[in-house]
Amino acid sequence: MTIFWHTLDTRQAVLNVRNSGEAQNDVSMLCNWRGGTTEPTAMEVDIQRTELRVEAILKYGVITALMMSTAIGIYANTPQVIQTGKRVHNGAIYLFKTFTCLTVISGTYVTVLFTLLGIYSETALGSGLDAEFASFFQETRRMRQFGFNSFLVSLASFMVSFLISVFLDTHGQFRMVLLIPATALVVASAFSVAHVIQLATNSIFSKKEA
C-alpha cells in the first residue's frame, strides 16, 4: 500500500512539473505573439501606461458629449423671441445662437475624433500590433492637437452661451443680480482652466516632447 501511494505521489509530481512547464511556455508564446519580451512584467507596465494614455484621450470625448448635451438643453429652454425695437435683446439672441452652434459643431468634432482614436488604438493594442499603433499614434498627433483646440473652443463657447442664456431668461434688476456673479464665476473658471493647462504644458508635455 505504501508503494502504491508513493507511486501516485510521484505521478502527481511529474504532472505538476509538466503543467508548470506548459504554463511557462504558454506565457512565453503569448508574450512573443504580443510582440513583446518573454518577461511579462516589463511588457505589462508598458501596456498599462499606453492604455492609460488611450483612456485619457477617450475622456475628452465623454466630457465634450456631456457639455453638448447641456448646451442643447439650455438652448431648448431659453426664450428666443425677436422683439421690435430692442436691439440689445435681439443681438443677444443672435449671439446665443452663434455660440451654441460653435459649441455643438466643435464638440461633435471632438467627440467623434477622440472616440475614433480611442477605438482604433485599443483595437491595435488588443491585436498585438504595437508597431502599427506607434505609427498610428504618431501620424495622428496634429489631429489630437487640433482636437484639443476644438475642445477649448467648445468649452469657451459653452460658457459664453450660458451667460447669454442667463441674460435672455431674466428681466429687471434680478438680471444684473444674477448675471454679475455668474460672469465672475465663468471668468474665474476660465483663468483656472488656463492655469492648469499651462502647468501641464510646462511640467508634462514639454518633458515628454524633449
N, C-alpha and C. Protein backbone atom coordinates (compact mmCIF):
# COMPACT_ATOMS: atom_id res chain seq x y z
N MET A 1 0.84 -1.21 0.00
CA MET A 1 0.00 0.00 0.00
C MET A 1 0.87 1.25 0.00
N THR A 2 1.98 1.22 0.79
CA THR A 2 2.90 2.38 0.84
C THR A 2 3.49 2.64 -0.53
N ILE A 3 3.88 1.53 -1.23
CA ILE A 3 4.46 1.68 -2.56
C ILE A 3 3.43 2.28 -3.50
N PHE A 4 2.14 1.90 -3.38
CA PHE A 4 1.07 2.41 -4.25
C PHE A 4 0.91 3.92 -4.10
N TRP A 5 0.86 4.38 -2.82
CA TRP A 5 0.69 5.82 -2.60
C TRP A 5 1.93 6.59 -3.05
N HIS A 6 3.09 6.00 -2.87
CA HIS A 6 4.32 6.65 -3.30
C HIS A 6 4.32 6.80 -4.82
N THR A 7 3.82 5.78 -5.52
CA THR A 7 3.75 5.85 -6.99
C THR A 7 2.80 6.96 -7.43
N LEU A 8 1.63 7.08 -6.75
CA LEU A 8 0.69 8.14 -7.09
C LEU A 8 1.29 9.52 -6.85
N ASP A 9 2.02 9.66 -5.74
CA ASP A 9 2.65 10.94 -5.44
C ASP A 9 3.69 11.29 -6.51
N THR A 10 4.42 10.28 -6.96
CA THR A 10 5.43 10.52 -7.99
C THR A 10 4.78 10.97 -9.28
N ARG A 11 3.69 10.29 -9.67
CA ARG A 11 3.00 10.66 -10.90
C ARG A 11 2.43 12.08 -10.81
N GLN A 12 1.88 12.43 -9.63
CA GLN A 12 1.32 13.77 -9.44
C GLN A 12 2.41 14.83 -9.54
N ALA A 13 3.58 14.53 -8.99
CA ALA A 13 4.70 15.48 -9.06
C ALA A 13 5.14 15.68 -10.50
N VAL A 14 5.17 14.60 -11.28
CA VAL A 14 5.55 14.71 -12.69
C VAL A 14 4.55 15.56 -13.44
N LEU A 15 3.23 15.33 -13.16
CA LEU A 15 2.19 16.13 -13.82
C LEU A 15 2.31 17.59 -13.46
N ASN A 16 2.62 17.90 -12.20
CA ASN A 16 2.77 19.29 -11.78
C ASN A 16 3.91 19.97 -12.52
N VAL A 17 5.03 19.23 -12.67
CA VAL A 17 6.18 19.79 -13.39
C VAL A 17 5.82 20.04 -14.84
N ARG A 18 5.10 19.08 -15.46
CA ARG A 18 4.71 19.24 -16.86
C ARG A 18 3.76 20.44 -17.02
N ASN A 19 2.76 20.54 -16.11
CA ASN A 19 1.82 21.65 -16.19
C ASN A 19 2.51 22.98 -16.00
N SER A 20 3.49 23.01 -15.09
CA SER A 20 4.24 24.25 -14.87
C SER A 20 5.02 24.64 -16.10
N GLY A 21 5.64 23.64 -16.74
CA GLY A 21 6.40 23.92 -17.95
C GLY A 21 5.51 24.37 -19.08
N GLU A 22 4.32 23.73 -19.21
CA GLU A 22 3.40 24.13 -20.26
C GLU A 22 2.87 25.54 -20.02
N ALA A 23 2.61 25.87 -18.75
CA ALA A 23 2.13 27.22 -18.44
C ALA A 23 3.19 28.25 -18.77
N GLN A 24 4.46 27.93 -18.45
CA GLN A 24 5.55 28.85 -18.76
C GLN A 24 5.69 29.02 -20.26
N ASN A 25 5.54 27.92 -21.01
CA ASN A 25 5.62 28.01 -22.47
C ASN A 25 4.48 28.83 -23.03
N ASP A 26 3.28 28.67 -22.42
CA ASP A 26 2.13 29.46 -22.88
C ASP A 26 2.36 30.94 -22.66
N VAL A 27 2.93 31.28 -21.49
CA VAL A 27 3.22 32.69 -21.23
C VAL A 27 4.23 33.24 -22.22
N SER A 28 5.28 32.46 -22.47
CA SER A 28 6.29 32.90 -23.43
C SER A 28 5.70 33.05 -24.82
N MET A 29 4.84 32.10 -25.20
CA MET A 29 4.22 32.16 -26.52
C MET A 29 3.34 33.38 -26.64
N LEU A 30 2.54 33.67 -25.60
CA LEU A 30 1.67 34.84 -25.63
C LEU A 30 2.47 36.12 -25.68
N CYS A 31 3.56 36.16 -24.93
CA CYS A 31 4.40 37.37 -24.95
C CYS A 31 5.01 37.59 -26.32
N ASN A 32 5.51 36.51 -26.94
CA ASN A 32 6.10 36.64 -28.27
C ASN A 32 5.05 37.00 -29.30
N TRP A 33 3.86 36.40 -29.20
CA TRP A 33 2.78 36.72 -30.13
C TRP A 33 2.34 38.16 -29.96
N ARG A 34 2.40 38.66 -28.70
CA ARG A 34 2.00 40.03 -28.41
C ARG A 34 3.00 41.03 -28.98
N GLY A 35 4.17 40.55 -29.34
CA GLY A 35 5.17 41.45 -29.90
C GLY A 35 6.09 42.01 -28.85
N GLY A 36 6.12 41.40 -27.67
CA GLY A 36 6.93 41.93 -26.59
C GLY A 36 8.02 40.96 -26.20
N THR A 37 8.50 41.13 -24.97
CA THR A 37 9.57 40.30 -24.47
C THR A 37 8.98 39.06 -23.79
N THR A 38 9.84 38.12 -23.45
CA THR A 38 9.38 36.93 -22.73
C THR A 38 9.23 37.20 -21.25
N GLU A 39 9.52 38.45 -20.82
CA GLU A 39 9.32 38.84 -19.43
C GLU A 39 8.03 39.64 -19.35
N PRO A 40 6.93 39.06 -18.87
CA PRO A 40 5.63 39.74 -18.91
C PRO A 40 5.56 40.97 -18.02
N THR A 41 6.40 41.04 -16.98
CA THR A 41 6.30 42.18 -16.05
C THR A 41 6.61 43.48 -16.76
N ALA A 42 7.73 43.53 -17.47
CA ALA A 42 8.12 44.75 -18.17
C ALA A 42 7.11 45.10 -19.26
N MET A 43 6.61 44.07 -19.93
CA MET A 43 5.65 44.31 -21.00
C MET A 43 4.36 44.88 -20.45
N GLU A 44 3.88 44.32 -19.31
CA GLU A 44 2.62 44.75 -18.75
C GLU A 44 2.67 46.21 -18.32
N VAL A 45 3.82 46.65 -17.79
CA VAL A 45 3.95 48.06 -17.38
C VAL A 45 3.80 48.96 -18.58
N ASP A 46 4.44 48.60 -19.70
CA ASP A 46 4.37 49.41 -20.91
C ASP A 46 2.96 49.44 -21.46
N ILE A 47 2.30 48.30 -21.49
CA ILE A 47 0.93 48.24 -22.00
C ILE A 47 -0.01 49.03 -21.10
N GLN A 48 0.17 48.92 -19.81
CA GLN A 48 -0.70 49.65 -18.89
C GLN A 48 -0.57 51.15 -19.07
N ARG A 49 0.65 51.63 -19.26
CA ARG A 49 0.84 53.06 -19.46
C ARG A 49 0.22 53.52 -20.78
N THR A 50 0.37 52.70 -21.79
CA THR A 50 -0.22 53.04 -23.08
C THR A 50 -1.74 53.08 -22.99
N GLU A 51 -2.32 52.11 -22.29
CA GLU A 51 -3.77 52.09 -22.12
C GLU A 51 -4.26 53.29 -21.33
N LEU A 52 -3.44 53.76 -20.38
CA LEU A 52 -3.81 54.97 -19.64
C LEU A 52 -3.89 56.18 -20.56
N ARG A 53 -2.96 56.27 -21.50
CA ARG A 53 -3.00 57.38 -22.46
C ARG A 53 -4.23 57.30 -23.35
N VAL A 54 -4.57 56.10 -23.77
CA VAL A 54 -5.76 55.92 -24.61
C VAL A 54 -7.02 56.28 -23.84
N GLU A 55 -7.09 55.86 -22.57
CA GLU A 55 -8.25 56.20 -21.75
C GLU A 55 -8.36 57.71 -21.54
N ALA A 56 -7.21 58.38 -21.40
CA ALA A 56 -7.23 59.84 -21.24
C ALA A 56 -7.78 60.52 -22.49
N ILE A 57 -7.44 59.98 -23.66
CA ILE A 57 -7.97 60.53 -24.92
C ILE A 57 -9.49 60.36 -24.97
N LEU A 58 -9.97 59.20 -24.58
CA LEU A 58 -11.41 58.95 -24.62
C LEU A 58 -12.19 59.90 -23.71
N LYS A 59 -11.57 60.34 -22.62
CA LYS A 59 -12.27 61.21 -21.68
C LYS A 59 -12.60 62.57 -22.28
N TYR A 60 -11.78 63.03 -23.24
CA TYR A 60 -12.11 64.29 -23.92
C TYR A 60 -13.48 64.18 -24.60
N GLY A 61 -13.69 63.05 -25.27
CA GLY A 61 -14.96 62.85 -25.96
C GLY A 61 -16.13 62.77 -25.00
N VAL A 62 -15.93 62.10 -23.85
CA VAL A 62 -17.00 61.96 -22.87
C VAL A 62 -17.38 63.32 -22.28
N ILE A 63 -16.37 64.11 -21.89
CA ILE A 63 -16.63 65.43 -21.31
C ILE A 63 -17.33 66.33 -22.32
N THR A 64 -16.87 66.30 -23.56
CA THR A 64 -17.47 67.16 -24.58
C THR A 64 -18.89 66.74 -24.89
N ALA A 65 -19.17 65.44 -24.90
CA ALA A 65 -20.54 64.97 -25.15
C ALA A 65 -21.49 65.46 -24.06
N LEU A 66 -21.06 65.41 -22.81
CA LEU A 66 -21.89 65.92 -21.72
C LEU A 66 -22.11 67.42 -21.85
N MET A 67 -21.06 68.13 -22.25
CA MET A 67 -21.17 69.58 -22.41
C MET A 67 -22.13 69.93 -23.55
N MET A 68 -22.07 69.20 -24.64
CA MET A 68 -23.00 69.44 -25.75
C MET A 68 -24.44 69.16 -25.34
N SER A 69 -24.64 68.09 -24.60
CA SER A 69 -25.98 67.75 -24.15
C SER A 69 -26.56 68.88 -23.29
N THR A 70 -25.72 69.43 -22.40
CA THR A 70 -26.16 70.54 -21.56
C THR A 70 -26.45 71.77 -22.40
N ALA A 71 -25.60 72.05 -23.39
CA ALA A 71 -25.79 73.23 -24.24
C ALA A 71 -27.09 73.13 -25.03
N ILE A 72 -27.39 71.94 -25.54
CA ILE A 72 -28.64 71.76 -26.29
C ILE A 72 -29.85 71.92 -25.38
N GLY A 73 -29.74 71.43 -24.15
CA GLY A 73 -30.82 71.60 -23.20
C GLY A 73 -31.06 73.06 -22.85
N ILE A 74 -29.98 73.80 -22.66
CA ILE A 74 -30.11 75.24 -22.38
C ILE A 74 -30.71 75.95 -23.58
N TYR A 75 -30.29 75.59 -24.78
CA TYR A 75 -30.81 76.23 -25.99
C TYR A 75 -32.32 75.99 -26.13
N ALA A 76 -32.75 74.79 -25.81
CA ALA A 76 -34.17 74.45 -25.97
C ALA A 76 -35.05 75.17 -24.94
N ASN A 77 -34.47 75.55 -23.80
CA ASN A 77 -35.27 76.15 -22.73
C ASN A 77 -35.03 77.65 -22.58
N THR A 78 -34.31 78.27 -23.50
CA THR A 78 -34.06 79.70 -23.43
C THR A 78 -35.01 80.43 -24.39
N PRO A 79 -35.74 81.43 -23.91
CA PRO A 79 -36.65 82.18 -24.80
C PRO A 79 -35.87 82.96 -25.85
N GLN A 80 -36.31 82.86 -27.11
CA GLN A 80 -35.60 83.50 -28.21
C GLN A 80 -36.59 84.21 -29.14
N VAL A 81 -37.39 85.07 -28.57
CA VAL A 81 -38.40 85.80 -29.34
C VAL A 81 -37.84 87.15 -29.76
N ILE A 82 -37.77 87.37 -31.08
CA ILE A 82 -37.30 88.66 -31.60
C ILE A 82 -38.34 89.74 -31.30
N GLN A 83 -37.89 90.83 -30.72
CA GLN A 83 -38.79 91.92 -30.35
C GLN A 83 -38.41 93.19 -31.12
N THR A 84 -39.41 93.84 -31.67
CA THR A 84 -39.18 95.05 -32.47
C THR A 84 -38.66 96.18 -31.60
N GLY A 85 -37.57 96.79 -32.07
CA GLY A 85 -37.02 97.95 -31.38
C GLY A 85 -36.06 97.64 -30.25
N LYS A 86 -35.87 96.40 -29.93
CA LYS A 86 -34.95 96.02 -28.85
C LYS A 86 -33.69 95.40 -29.45
N ARG A 87 -32.74 96.27 -29.81
CA ARG A 87 -31.54 95.80 -30.49
C ARG A 87 -30.65 94.96 -29.58
N VAL A 88 -30.52 95.36 -28.34
CA VAL A 88 -29.67 94.60 -27.42
C VAL A 88 -30.23 93.19 -27.21
N HIS A 89 -31.54 93.12 -26.98
CA HIS A 89 -32.18 91.82 -26.78
C HIS A 89 -32.05 90.94 -28.02
N ASN A 90 -32.33 91.52 -29.19
CA ASN A 90 -32.25 90.75 -30.43
C ASN A 90 -30.81 90.35 -30.75
N GLY A 91 -29.88 91.26 -30.48
CA GLY A 91 -28.46 90.92 -30.70
C GLY A 91 -28.00 89.80 -29.79
N ALA A 92 -28.50 89.79 -28.55
CA ALA A 92 -28.15 88.71 -27.62
C ALA A 92 -28.67 87.37 -28.13
N ILE A 93 -29.85 87.40 -28.75
CA ILE A 93 -30.40 86.15 -29.30
C ILE A 93 -29.50 85.61 -30.41
N TYR A 94 -29.07 86.49 -31.31
CA TYR A 94 -28.22 86.05 -32.41
C TYR A 94 -26.87 85.54 -31.89
N LEU A 95 -26.32 86.23 -30.90
CA LEU A 95 -25.07 85.77 -30.30
C LEU A 95 -25.26 84.42 -29.61
N PHE A 96 -26.38 84.25 -28.95
CA PHE A 96 -26.66 82.99 -28.27
C PHE A 96 -26.73 81.83 -29.27
N LYS A 97 -27.39 82.07 -30.39
CA LYS A 97 -27.46 81.04 -31.43
C LYS A 97 -26.07 80.73 -31.99
N THR A 98 -25.27 81.78 -32.19
CA THR A 98 -23.94 81.59 -32.77
C THR A 98 -23.03 80.77 -31.86
N PHE A 99 -22.99 81.13 -30.58
CA PHE A 99 -22.09 80.42 -29.65
C PHE A 99 -22.60 79.01 -29.36
N THR A 100 -23.90 78.82 -29.34
CA THR A 100 -24.42 77.46 -29.18
C THR A 100 -24.06 76.60 -30.38
N CYS A 101 -24.14 77.20 -31.55
CA CYS A 101 -23.75 76.48 -32.78
C CYS A 101 -22.28 76.09 -32.74
N LEU A 102 -21.41 77.02 -32.29
CA LEU A 102 -19.99 76.71 -32.16
C LEU A 102 -19.75 75.58 -31.16
N THR A 103 -20.49 75.62 -30.06
CA THR A 103 -20.35 74.57 -29.05
C THR A 103 -20.68 73.20 -29.61
N VAL A 104 -21.77 73.12 -30.35
CA VAL A 104 -22.23 71.83 -30.87
C VAL A 104 -21.31 71.33 -31.99
N ILE A 105 -20.95 72.22 -32.92
CA ILE A 105 -20.13 71.80 -34.07
C ILE A 105 -18.74 71.36 -33.61
N SER A 106 -18.07 72.21 -32.83
CA SER A 106 -16.73 71.85 -32.37
C SER A 106 -16.79 70.67 -31.42
N GLY A 107 -17.84 70.61 -30.59
CA GLY A 107 -17.98 69.48 -29.68
C GLY A 107 -18.23 68.17 -30.39
N THR A 108 -19.00 68.21 -31.45
CA THR A 108 -19.24 66.99 -32.23
C THR A 108 -17.94 66.48 -32.84
N TYR A 109 -17.14 67.41 -33.37
CA TYR A 109 -15.86 67.02 -33.95
C TYR A 109 -14.96 66.38 -32.90
N VAL A 110 -14.89 67.00 -31.72
CA VAL A 110 -14.04 66.47 -30.65
C VAL A 110 -14.51 65.08 -30.22
N THR A 111 -15.81 64.92 -30.04
CA THR A 111 -16.35 63.64 -29.59
C THR A 111 -16.06 62.52 -30.59
N VAL A 112 -16.34 62.79 -31.86
CA VAL A 112 -16.13 61.77 -32.89
C VAL A 112 -14.64 61.47 -33.06
N LEU A 113 -13.81 62.52 -33.10
CA LEU A 113 -12.38 62.34 -33.32
C LEU A 113 -11.74 61.49 -32.23
N PHE A 114 -11.92 61.88 -30.97
CA PHE A 114 -11.25 61.17 -29.89
C PHE A 114 -11.87 59.79 -29.64
N THR A 115 -13.14 59.63 -29.96
CA THR A 115 -13.73 58.29 -29.85
C THR A 115 -13.11 57.35 -30.88
N LEU A 116 -12.97 57.83 -32.12
CA LEU A 116 -12.34 57.00 -33.16
C LEU A 116 -10.89 56.70 -32.83
N LEU A 117 -10.16 57.70 -32.35
CA LEU A 117 -8.75 57.48 -31.98
C LEU A 117 -8.65 56.44 -30.87
N GLY A 118 -9.54 56.52 -29.89
CA GLY A 118 -9.51 55.54 -28.81
C GLY A 118 -9.87 54.15 -29.28
N ILE A 119 -10.88 54.04 -30.12
CA ILE A 119 -11.31 52.72 -30.61
C ILE A 119 -10.20 52.07 -31.44
N TYR A 120 -9.62 52.82 -32.37
CA TYR A 120 -8.58 52.25 -33.24
C TYR A 120 -7.31 51.94 -32.46
N SER A 121 -6.99 52.76 -31.47
CA SER A 121 -5.80 52.49 -30.66
C SER A 121 -5.98 51.22 -29.84
N GLU A 122 -7.15 51.06 -29.21
CA GLU A 122 -7.40 49.85 -28.44
C GLU A 122 -7.47 48.61 -29.33
N THR A 123 -7.98 48.77 -30.55
CA THR A 123 -8.01 47.65 -31.49
C THR A 123 -6.60 47.20 -31.84
N ALA A 124 -5.71 48.17 -32.11
CA ALA A 124 -4.33 47.83 -32.45
C ALA A 124 -3.63 47.17 -31.28
N LEU A 125 -3.80 47.71 -30.07
CA LEU A 125 -3.15 47.12 -28.90
C LEU A 125 -3.69 45.73 -28.60
N GLY A 126 -5.00 45.57 -28.72
CA GLY A 126 -5.60 44.27 -28.46
C GLY A 126 -5.23 43.22 -29.47
N SER A 127 -4.85 43.64 -30.68
CA SER A 127 -4.46 42.70 -31.73
C SER A 127 -2.96 42.45 -31.76
N GLY A 128 -2.23 43.06 -30.83
CA GLY A 128 -0.79 42.85 -30.80
C GLY A 128 -0.02 43.64 -31.83
N LEU A 129 -0.63 44.68 -32.40
CA LEU A 129 0.02 45.47 -33.44
C LEU A 129 0.70 46.69 -32.81
N ASP A 130 1.77 46.44 -32.06
CA ASP A 130 2.44 47.51 -31.32
C ASP A 130 3.07 48.53 -32.26
N ALA A 131 3.78 48.06 -33.28
CA ALA A 131 4.44 48.97 -34.21
C ALA A 131 3.43 49.79 -34.98
N GLU A 132 2.34 49.13 -35.39
CA GLU A 132 1.30 49.83 -36.13
C GLU A 132 0.62 50.89 -35.24
N PHE A 133 0.43 50.55 -33.96
CA PHE A 133 -0.15 51.52 -33.04
C PHE A 133 0.75 52.73 -32.86
N ALA A 134 2.06 52.50 -32.71
CA ALA A 134 3.00 53.61 -32.54
C ALA A 134 2.99 54.52 -33.76
N SER A 135 2.94 53.91 -34.95
CA SER A 135 2.88 54.71 -36.18
C SER A 135 1.58 55.49 -36.27
N PHE A 136 0.47 54.84 -35.94
CA PHE A 136 -0.84 55.49 -35.97
C PHE A 136 -0.89 56.65 -34.98
N PHE A 137 -0.36 56.44 -33.80
CA PHE A 137 -0.39 57.48 -32.77
C PHE A 137 0.46 58.67 -33.17
N GLN A 138 1.58 58.41 -33.83
CA GLN A 138 2.45 59.49 -34.27
C GLN A 138 1.83 60.26 -35.43
N GLU A 139 1.21 59.56 -36.35
CA GLU A 139 0.61 60.20 -37.52
C GLU A 139 -0.60 61.06 -37.16
N THR A 140 -1.27 60.74 -36.08
CA THR A 140 -2.46 61.49 -35.68
C THR A 140 -2.16 62.54 -34.62
N ARG A 141 -0.89 62.87 -34.45
CA ARG A 141 -0.51 63.84 -33.41
C ARG A 141 -1.13 65.21 -33.67
N ARG A 142 -1.04 65.70 -34.90
CA ARG A 142 -1.61 67.02 -35.22
C ARG A 142 -3.13 67.01 -35.10
N MET A 143 -3.74 65.89 -35.43
CA MET A 143 -5.19 65.78 -35.27
C MET A 143 -5.58 65.90 -33.80
N ARG A 144 -4.79 65.27 -32.92
CA ARG A 144 -5.08 65.37 -31.49
C ARG A 144 -4.91 66.80 -30.99
N GLN A 145 -3.89 67.49 -31.49
CA GLN A 145 -3.69 68.88 -31.10
C GLN A 145 -4.85 69.76 -31.58
N PHE A 146 -5.28 69.56 -32.82
CA PHE A 146 -6.41 70.32 -33.34
C PHE A 146 -7.68 69.96 -32.58
N GLY A 147 -7.83 68.69 -32.22
CA GLY A 147 -8.98 68.27 -31.45
C GLY A 147 -9.00 68.91 -30.07
N PHE A 148 -7.83 69.05 -29.45
CA PHE A 148 -7.76 69.71 -28.15
C PHE A 148 -8.13 71.19 -28.27
N ASN A 149 -7.64 71.85 -29.33
CA ASN A 149 -8.02 73.25 -29.55
C ASN A 149 -9.52 73.38 -29.78
N SER A 150 -10.10 72.42 -30.50
CA SER A 150 -11.55 72.42 -30.71
C SER A 150 -12.28 72.21 -29.39
N PHE A 151 -11.70 71.41 -28.51
CA PHE A 151 -12.28 71.21 -27.18
C PHE A 151 -12.32 72.53 -26.40
N LEU A 152 -11.25 73.32 -26.50
CA LEU A 152 -11.22 74.62 -25.83
C LEU A 152 -12.24 75.57 -26.43
N VAL A 153 -12.39 75.53 -27.77
CA VAL A 153 -13.39 76.37 -28.43
C VAL A 153 -14.79 76.00 -27.95
N SER A 154 -15.06 74.71 -27.89
CA SER A 154 -16.38 74.25 -27.43
C SER A 154 -16.63 74.67 -25.99
N LEU A 155 -15.60 74.57 -25.14
CA LEU A 155 -15.75 74.94 -23.74
C LEU A 155 -16.01 76.44 -23.59
N ALA A 156 -15.22 77.27 -24.30
CA ALA A 156 -15.40 78.72 -24.22
C ALA A 156 -16.76 79.14 -24.76
N SER A 157 -17.16 78.53 -25.88
CA SER A 157 -18.46 78.86 -26.47
C SER A 157 -19.60 78.47 -25.54
N PHE A 158 -19.44 77.35 -24.87
CA PHE A 158 -20.47 76.92 -23.93
C PHE A 158 -20.61 77.91 -22.78
N MET A 159 -19.50 78.38 -22.25
CA MET A 159 -19.55 79.34 -21.14
C MET A 159 -20.22 80.64 -21.57
N VAL A 160 -19.87 81.15 -22.76
CA VAL A 160 -20.46 82.40 -23.23
C VAL A 160 -21.95 82.22 -23.50
N SER A 161 -22.32 81.12 -24.13
CA SER A 161 -23.74 80.87 -24.42
C SER A 161 -24.55 80.74 -23.13
N PHE A 162 -23.94 80.19 -22.11
CA PHE A 162 -24.63 80.08 -20.82
C PHE A 162 -24.91 81.46 -20.23
N LEU A 163 -23.93 82.35 -20.30
CA LEU A 163 -24.13 83.71 -19.78
C LEU A 163 -25.21 84.45 -20.57
N ILE A 164 -25.20 84.28 -21.88
CA ILE A 164 -26.22 84.94 -22.70
C ILE A 164 -27.60 84.36 -22.39
N SER A 165 -27.65 83.07 -22.10
CA SER A 165 -28.91 82.45 -21.73
C SER A 165 -29.46 83.04 -20.43
N VAL A 166 -28.56 83.29 -19.48
CA VAL A 166 -28.98 83.94 -18.23
C VAL A 166 -29.54 85.33 -18.53
N PHE A 167 -28.89 86.05 -19.45
CA PHE A 167 -29.36 87.39 -19.82
C PHE A 167 -30.74 87.34 -20.45
N LEU A 168 -30.97 86.37 -21.33
CA LEU A 168 -32.25 86.28 -22.03
C LEU A 168 -33.37 85.75 -21.16
N ASP A 169 -33.01 84.98 -20.16
CA ASP A 169 -34.03 84.30 -19.35
C ASP A 169 -34.42 85.08 -18.11
N THR A 170 -33.80 86.22 -17.87
CA THR A 170 -34.11 87.03 -16.70
C THR A 170 -34.45 88.46 -17.12
N HIS A 171 -35.08 89.19 -16.21
CA HIS A 171 -35.50 90.55 -16.53
C HIS A 171 -35.36 91.44 -15.29
N GLY A 172 -35.30 92.75 -15.55
CA GLY A 172 -35.27 93.72 -14.47
C GLY A 172 -33.98 93.68 -13.66
N GLN A 173 -34.06 94.04 -12.39
CA GLN A 173 -32.90 94.09 -11.53
C GLN A 173 -32.33 92.69 -11.25
N PHE A 174 -33.21 91.72 -11.25
CA PHE A 174 -32.74 90.35 -10.99
C PHE A 174 -31.76 89.88 -12.05
N ARG A 175 -31.89 90.42 -13.27
CA ARG A 175 -30.96 90.05 -14.34
C ARG A 175 -29.53 90.40 -13.97
N MET A 176 -29.30 91.62 -13.50
CA MET A 176 -27.95 92.04 -13.13
C MET A 176 -27.47 91.34 -11.87
N VAL A 177 -28.40 91.15 -10.93
CA VAL A 177 -28.03 90.45 -9.69
C VAL A 177 -27.52 89.05 -9.98
N LEU A 178 -28.10 88.39 -10.94
CA LEU A 178 -27.69 87.02 -11.29
C LEU A 178 -26.55 87.01 -12.30
N LEU A 179 -26.55 87.97 -13.22
CA LEU A 179 -25.57 87.95 -14.31
C LEU A 179 -24.17 88.32 -13.83
N ILE A 180 -24.05 89.27 -12.92
CA ILE A 180 -22.72 89.71 -12.47
C ILE A 180 -21.96 88.60 -11.76
N PRO A 181 -22.52 87.93 -10.75
CA PRO A 181 -21.76 86.83 -10.13
C PRO A 181 -21.54 85.65 -11.07
N ALA A 182 -22.51 85.40 -11.97
CA ALA A 182 -22.33 84.31 -12.93
C ALA A 182 -21.15 84.60 -13.85
N THR A 183 -21.04 85.86 -14.30
CA THR A 183 -19.91 86.25 -15.16
C THR A 183 -18.59 86.13 -14.41
N ALA A 184 -18.59 86.56 -13.14
CA ALA A 184 -17.37 86.47 -12.34
C ALA A 184 -16.93 85.02 -12.18
N LEU A 185 -17.88 84.12 -11.95
CA LEU A 185 -17.55 82.70 -11.80
C LEU A 185 -17.02 82.11 -13.09
N VAL A 186 -17.63 82.49 -14.21
CA VAL A 186 -17.17 81.98 -15.51
C VAL A 186 -15.76 82.47 -15.81
N VAL A 187 -15.48 83.74 -15.55
CA VAL A 187 -14.14 84.28 -15.79
C VAL A 187 -13.11 83.61 -14.88
N ALA A 188 -13.46 83.43 -13.61
CA ALA A 188 -12.55 82.76 -12.67
C ALA A 188 -12.29 81.32 -13.10
N SER A 189 -13.34 80.64 -13.56
CA SER A 189 -13.17 79.27 -14.04
C SER A 189 -12.27 79.21 -15.26
N ALA A 190 -12.44 80.18 -16.16
CA ALA A 190 -11.61 80.22 -17.37
C ALA A 190 -10.15 80.40 -17.02
N PHE A 191 -9.85 81.30 -16.09
CA PHE A 191 -8.45 81.51 -15.68
C PHE A 191 -7.89 80.29 -14.99
N SER A 192 -8.72 79.61 -14.19
CA SER A 192 -8.26 78.40 -13.50
C SER A 192 -7.94 77.29 -14.49
N VAL A 193 -8.81 77.10 -15.48
CA VAL A 193 -8.57 76.07 -16.50
C VAL A 193 -7.32 76.40 -17.31
N ALA A 194 -7.16 77.67 -17.68
CA ALA A 194 -5.97 78.09 -18.43
C ALA A 194 -4.70 77.85 -17.62
N HIS A 195 -4.77 78.08 -16.32
CA HIS A 195 -3.60 77.86 -15.45
C HIS A 195 -3.24 76.38 -15.39
N VAL A 196 -4.25 75.52 -15.27
CA VAL A 196 -4.00 74.08 -15.23
C VAL A 196 -3.37 73.61 -16.54
N ILE A 197 -3.89 74.11 -17.66
CA ILE A 197 -3.35 73.73 -18.97
C ILE A 197 -1.90 74.19 -19.11
N GLN A 198 -1.61 75.39 -18.63
CA GLN A 198 -0.25 75.90 -18.70
C GLN A 198 0.70 75.07 -17.84
N LEU A 199 0.25 74.69 -16.65
CA LEU A 199 1.08 73.85 -15.79
C LEU A 199 1.35 72.49 -16.44
N ALA A 200 0.32 71.91 -17.04
CA ALA A 200 0.50 70.63 -17.72
C ALA A 200 1.46 70.76 -18.89
N THR A 201 1.36 71.87 -19.62
CA THR A 201 2.26 72.10 -20.76
C THR A 201 3.71 72.20 -20.31
N ASN A 202 3.95 72.92 -19.22
CA ASN A 202 5.33 73.14 -18.76
C ASN A 202 5.92 71.93 -18.06
N SER A 203 5.11 71.22 -17.27
CA SER A 203 5.66 70.15 -16.44
C SER A 203 5.53 68.75 -17.04
N ILE A 204 4.59 68.56 -17.97
CA ILE A 204 4.35 67.22 -18.51
C ILE A 204 4.69 67.13 -19.98
N PHE A 205 4.01 67.93 -20.80
CA PHE A 205 4.13 67.77 -22.26
C PHE A 205 5.46 68.28 -22.80
N SER A 206 6.04 69.30 -22.16
CA SER A 206 7.34 69.79 -22.63
C SER A 206 8.42 68.75 -22.39
N LYS A 207 8.37 68.04 -21.24
CA LYS A 207 9.35 67.00 -20.94
C LYS A 207 9.12 65.78 -21.82
N LYS A 208 7.86 65.48 -22.13
CA LYS A 208 7.57 64.32 -22.98
C LYS A 208 8.08 64.53 -24.38
N GLU A 209 7.95 65.76 -24.90
CA GLU A 209 8.44 66.04 -26.23
C GLU A 209 9.95 66.07 -26.28
N ALA A 210 10.57 66.52 -25.15
CA ALA A 210 12.03 66.54 -25.10
C ALA A 210 12.60 65.16 -25.03
